[in-house]
Amino acid sequence: PLGYKKFAQLYDAMGEQQLSHLNFGIYHELREENDDAINEYNAALQYKKDDVETIKRLAELHEKLNEPEFAADYY
């Protein structure tokens, strides 16, 4: 997970906010900090609303959390 955090910090320094939030989301998801991961993924979508990878990660995370109604929104 540390690699994703470092990539997120690097992208943040480069001004690539969408990629920064995406990598922070992956970092938090791997650490099972699910609320933080969801927040980061949603922040990433604010920069690129049609990013399939982020949308897929959100849907799968909500399924894992047993929240099918939220997962359906992303599918």
N, C-alpha and C. Protein backbone atom coordinates (compact mmCIF):
# COMPACT_ATOMS: atom_id res chain seq x y z
N PRO A 1 0.79 -1.21 0.00
CA PRO A 1 0.00 0.00 0.00
C PRO A 1 0.83 1.28 0.00
N LEU A 2 2.04 1.20 0.56
CA LEU A 2 2.86 2.41 0.65
C LEU A 2 3.19 2.97 -0.72
N GLY A 3 3.35 2.09 -1.72
CA GLY A 3 3.63 2.55 -3.07
C GLY A 3 2.52 3.43 -3.62
N TYR A 4 1.27 3.07 -3.33
CA TYR A 4 0.14 3.88 -3.80
C TYR A 4 0.13 5.24 -3.11
N LYS A 5 0.51 5.27 -1.85
CA LYS A 5 0.58 6.55 -1.13
C LYS A 5 1.65 7.44 -1.74
N LYS A 6 2.79 6.86 -2.06
CA LYS A 6 3.89 7.63 -2.66
C LYS A 6 3.50 8.14 -4.05
N PHE A 7 2.83 7.28 -4.85
CA PHE A 7 2.36 7.73 -6.15
C PHE A 7 1.35 8.87 -5.99
N ALA A 8 0.47 8.76 -5.01
CA ALA A 8 -0.52 9.80 -4.77
C ALA A 8 0.16 11.12 -4.43
N GLN A 9 1.18 11.06 -3.60
CA GLN A 9 1.91 12.28 -3.22
C GLN A 9 2.64 12.86 -4.42
N LEU A 10 3.20 11.99 -5.25
CA LEU A 10 3.89 12.44 -6.45
C LEU A 10 2.92 13.12 -7.42
N TYR A 11 1.78 12.47 -7.67
CA TYR A 11 0.78 13.07 -8.56
C TYR A 11 0.26 14.39 -8.01
N ASP A 12 0.11 14.47 -6.69
CA ASP A 12 -0.34 15.71 -6.08
C ASP A 12 0.68 16.82 -6.33
N ALA A 13 1.96 16.52 -6.18
CA ALA A 13 3.01 17.50 -6.42
C ALA A 13 3.06 17.94 -7.88
N MET A 14 2.66 17.04 -8.78
CA MET A 14 2.65 17.34 -10.21
C MET A 14 1.37 18.05 -10.63
N GLY A 15 0.41 18.19 -9.72
CA GLY A 15 -0.85 18.85 -10.04
C GLY A 15 -1.87 17.94 -10.69
N GLU A 16 -1.63 16.64 -10.65
CA GLU A 16 -2.57 15.65 -11.22
C GLU A 16 -3.52 15.20 -10.12
N GLN A 17 -4.50 16.02 -9.81
CA GLN A 17 -5.38 15.76 -8.67
C GLN A 17 -6.20 14.49 -8.81
N GLN A 18 -6.70 14.22 -10.01
CA GLN A 18 -7.52 13.02 -10.20
C GLN A 18 -6.71 11.77 -9.88
N LEU A 19 -5.51 11.67 -10.41
CA LEU A 19 -4.68 10.50 -10.16
C LEU A 19 -4.22 10.43 -8.71
N SER A 20 -4.02 11.58 -8.10
CA SER A 20 -3.65 11.61 -6.69
C SER A 20 -4.76 11.02 -5.83
N HIS A 21 -5.99 11.48 -6.05
CA HIS A 21 -7.12 10.96 -5.28
C HIS A 21 -7.35 9.47 -5.55
N LEU A 22 -7.20 9.05 -6.79
CA LEU A 22 -7.38 7.64 -7.13
C LEU A 22 -6.37 6.78 -6.36
N ASN A 23 -5.11 7.18 -6.37
CA ASN A 23 -4.09 6.40 -5.68
C ASN A 23 -4.26 6.44 -4.16
N PHE A 24 -4.68 7.57 -3.62
CA PHE A 24 -4.97 7.62 -2.19
C PHE A 24 -6.15 6.70 -1.88
N GLY A 25 -7.13 6.62 -2.77
CA GLY A 25 -8.26 5.72 -2.58
C GLY A 25 -7.82 4.27 -2.53
N ILE A 26 -6.95 3.88 -3.45
CA ILE A 26 -6.44 2.51 -3.47
C ILE A 26 -5.66 2.23 -2.19
N TYR A 27 -4.84 3.20 -1.78
CA TYR A 27 -4.07 3.07 -0.55
C TYR A 27 -4.99 2.80 0.65
N HIS A 28 -6.03 3.61 0.77
CA HIS A 28 -6.96 3.44 1.90
C HIS A 28 -7.74 2.13 1.80
N GLU A 29 -8.11 1.76 0.58
CA GLU A 29 -8.85 0.51 0.41
C GLU A 29 -8.00 -0.69 0.84
N LEU A 30 -6.74 -0.69 0.47
CA LEU A 30 -5.85 -1.79 0.85
C LEU A 30 -5.62 -1.85 2.36
N ARG A 31 -5.71 -0.71 3.01
CA ARG A 31 -5.56 -0.67 4.47
C ARG A 31 -6.90 -0.89 5.18
N GLU A 32 -7.94 -1.17 4.38
CA GLU A 32 -9.30 -1.40 4.87
C GLU A 32 -9.86 -0.19 5.61
N GLU A 33 -9.45 0.98 5.17
CA GLU A 33 -10.02 2.25 5.64
C GLU A 33 -11.06 2.66 4.60
N ASN A 34 -12.18 1.94 4.63
CA ASN A 34 -13.15 2.02 3.54
C ASN A 34 -13.81 3.38 3.39
N ASP A 35 -14.13 4.05 4.48
CA ASP A 35 -14.76 5.37 4.37
C ASP A 35 -13.81 6.37 3.71
N ASP A 36 -12.54 6.31 4.08
CA ASP A 36 -11.56 7.20 3.47
C ASP A 36 -11.38 6.87 1.98
N ALA A 37 -11.41 5.57 1.66
CA ALA A 37 -11.27 5.16 0.26
C ALA A 37 -12.44 5.70 -0.57
N ILE A 38 -13.65 5.57 -0.05
CA ILE A 38 -14.82 6.06 -0.77
C ILE A 38 -14.73 7.57 -0.98
N ASN A 39 -14.30 8.29 0.04
CA ASN A 39 -14.14 9.74 -0.09
C ASN A 39 -13.12 10.10 -1.15
N GLU A 40 -12.00 9.39 -1.18
CA GLU A 40 -10.97 9.67 -2.18
C GLU A 40 -11.45 9.34 -3.60
N TYR A 41 -12.14 8.21 -3.75
CA TYR A 41 -12.66 7.86 -5.07
C TYR A 41 -13.68 8.89 -5.55
N ASN A 42 -14.54 9.34 -4.66
CA ASN A 42 -15.51 10.36 -5.04
C ASN A 42 -14.82 11.67 -5.40
N ALA A 43 -13.75 12.00 -4.70
CA ALA A 43 -12.99 13.20 -5.03
C ALA A 43 -12.35 13.06 -6.42
N ALA A 44 -11.87 11.86 -6.72
CA ALA A 44 -11.27 11.62 -8.04
C ALA A 44 -12.31 11.81 -9.14
N LEU A 45 -13.54 11.39 -8.87
CA LEU A 45 -14.61 11.54 -9.87
C LEU A 45 -14.97 12.99 -10.11
N GLN A 46 -14.68 13.86 -9.17
CA GLN A 46 -14.95 15.29 -9.37
C GLN A 46 -14.06 15.86 -10.48
N TYR A 47 -12.91 15.26 -10.69
CA TYR A 47 -11.98 15.73 -11.72
C TYR A 47 -12.18 15.04 -13.06
N LYS A 48 -12.66 13.80 -13.03
CA LYS A 48 -12.88 13.04 -14.26
C LYS A 48 -14.08 12.14 -14.04
N LYS A 49 -15.25 12.66 -14.37
CA LYS A 49 -16.52 12.01 -14.04
C LYS A 49 -16.74 10.67 -14.75
N ASP A 50 -16.07 10.44 -15.86
CA ASP A 50 -16.31 9.23 -16.64
C ASP A 50 -15.16 8.21 -16.53
N ASP A 51 -14.37 8.30 -15.47
CA ASP A 51 -13.25 7.38 -15.28
C ASP A 51 -13.77 6.01 -14.88
N VAL A 52 -13.68 5.07 -15.79
CA VAL A 52 -14.25 3.73 -15.59
C VAL A 52 -13.58 3.02 -14.42
N GLU A 53 -12.28 3.16 -14.28
CA GLU A 53 -11.58 2.47 -13.19
C GLU A 53 -12.08 2.92 -11.82
N THR A 54 -12.25 4.23 -11.65
CA THR A 54 -12.71 4.75 -10.37
C THR A 54 -14.14 4.32 -10.10
N ILE A 55 -14.98 4.39 -11.10
CA ILE A 55 -16.38 3.99 -10.94
C ILE A 55 -16.46 2.51 -10.58
N LYS A 56 -15.67 1.68 -11.25
CA LYS A 56 -15.65 0.25 -10.97
C LYS A 56 -15.17 -0.01 -9.54
N ARG A 57 -14.14 0.68 -9.10
CA ARG A 57 -13.62 0.50 -7.74
C ARG A 57 -14.68 0.89 -6.70
N LEU A 58 -15.40 1.97 -6.95
CA LEU A 58 -16.45 2.38 -6.03
C LEU A 58 -17.56 1.33 -5.95
N ALA A 59 -17.98 0.83 -7.09
CA ALA A 59 -19.04 -0.17 -7.11
C ALA A 59 -18.61 -1.44 -6.37
N GLU A 60 -17.40 -1.90 -6.64
CA GLU A 60 -16.92 -3.11 -5.98
C GLU A 60 -16.74 -2.92 -4.48
N LEU A 61 -16.28 -1.74 -4.08
CA LEU A 61 -16.10 -1.47 -2.66
C LEU A 61 -17.45 -1.46 -1.94
N HIS A 62 -18.44 -0.84 -2.56
CA HIS A 62 -19.78 -0.83 -1.95
C HIS A 62 -20.36 -2.24 -1.87
N GLU A 63 -20.10 -3.07 -2.88
CA GLU A 63 -20.54 -4.47 -2.82
C GLU A 63 -19.87 -5.18 -1.65
N LYS A 64 -18.57 -4.98 -1.52
CA LYS A 64 -17.82 -5.60 -0.43
C LYS A 64 -18.35 -5.18 0.94
N LEU A 65 -18.82 -3.95 1.02
CA LEU A 65 -19.36 -3.43 2.28
C LEU A 65 -20.83 -3.80 2.48
N ASN A 66 -21.34 -4.62 1.57
CA ASN A 66 -22.74 -5.08 1.64
C ASN A 66 -23.72 -3.91 1.52
N GLU A 67 -23.43 -3.04 0.55
CA GLU A 67 -24.28 -1.89 0.26
C GLU A 67 -24.69 -1.94 -1.22
N PRO A 68 -25.54 -2.90 -1.58
CA PRO A 68 -25.86 -3.09 -3.00
C PRO A 68 -26.57 -1.90 -3.63
N GLU A 69 -27.33 -1.14 -2.84
CA GLU A 69 -28.03 0.01 -3.42
C GLU A 69 -27.06 1.09 -3.88
N PHE A 70 -25.96 1.26 -3.16
CA PHE A 70 -24.94 2.22 -3.58
C PHE A 70 -24.13 1.67 -4.75
N ALA A 71 -23.83 0.38 -4.70
CA ALA A 71 -23.09 -0.25 -5.80
C ALA A 71 -23.87 -0.12 -7.11
N ALA A 72 -25.18 -0.30 -7.04
CA ALA A 72 -26.01 -0.22 -8.24
C ALA A 72 -25.92 1.16 -8.88
N ASP A 73 -25.78 2.20 -8.07
CA ASP A 73 -25.65 3.56 -8.62
C ASP A 73 -24.44 3.68 -9.54
N TYR A 74 -23.38 2.97 -9.20
CA TYR A 74 -22.15 3.07 -10.00
C TYR A 74 -22.13 2.13 -11.18
N TYR A 75 -22.90 1.02 -11.08
CA TYR A 75 -23.00 0.11 -12.22
C TYR A 75 -23.93 0.72 -13.24
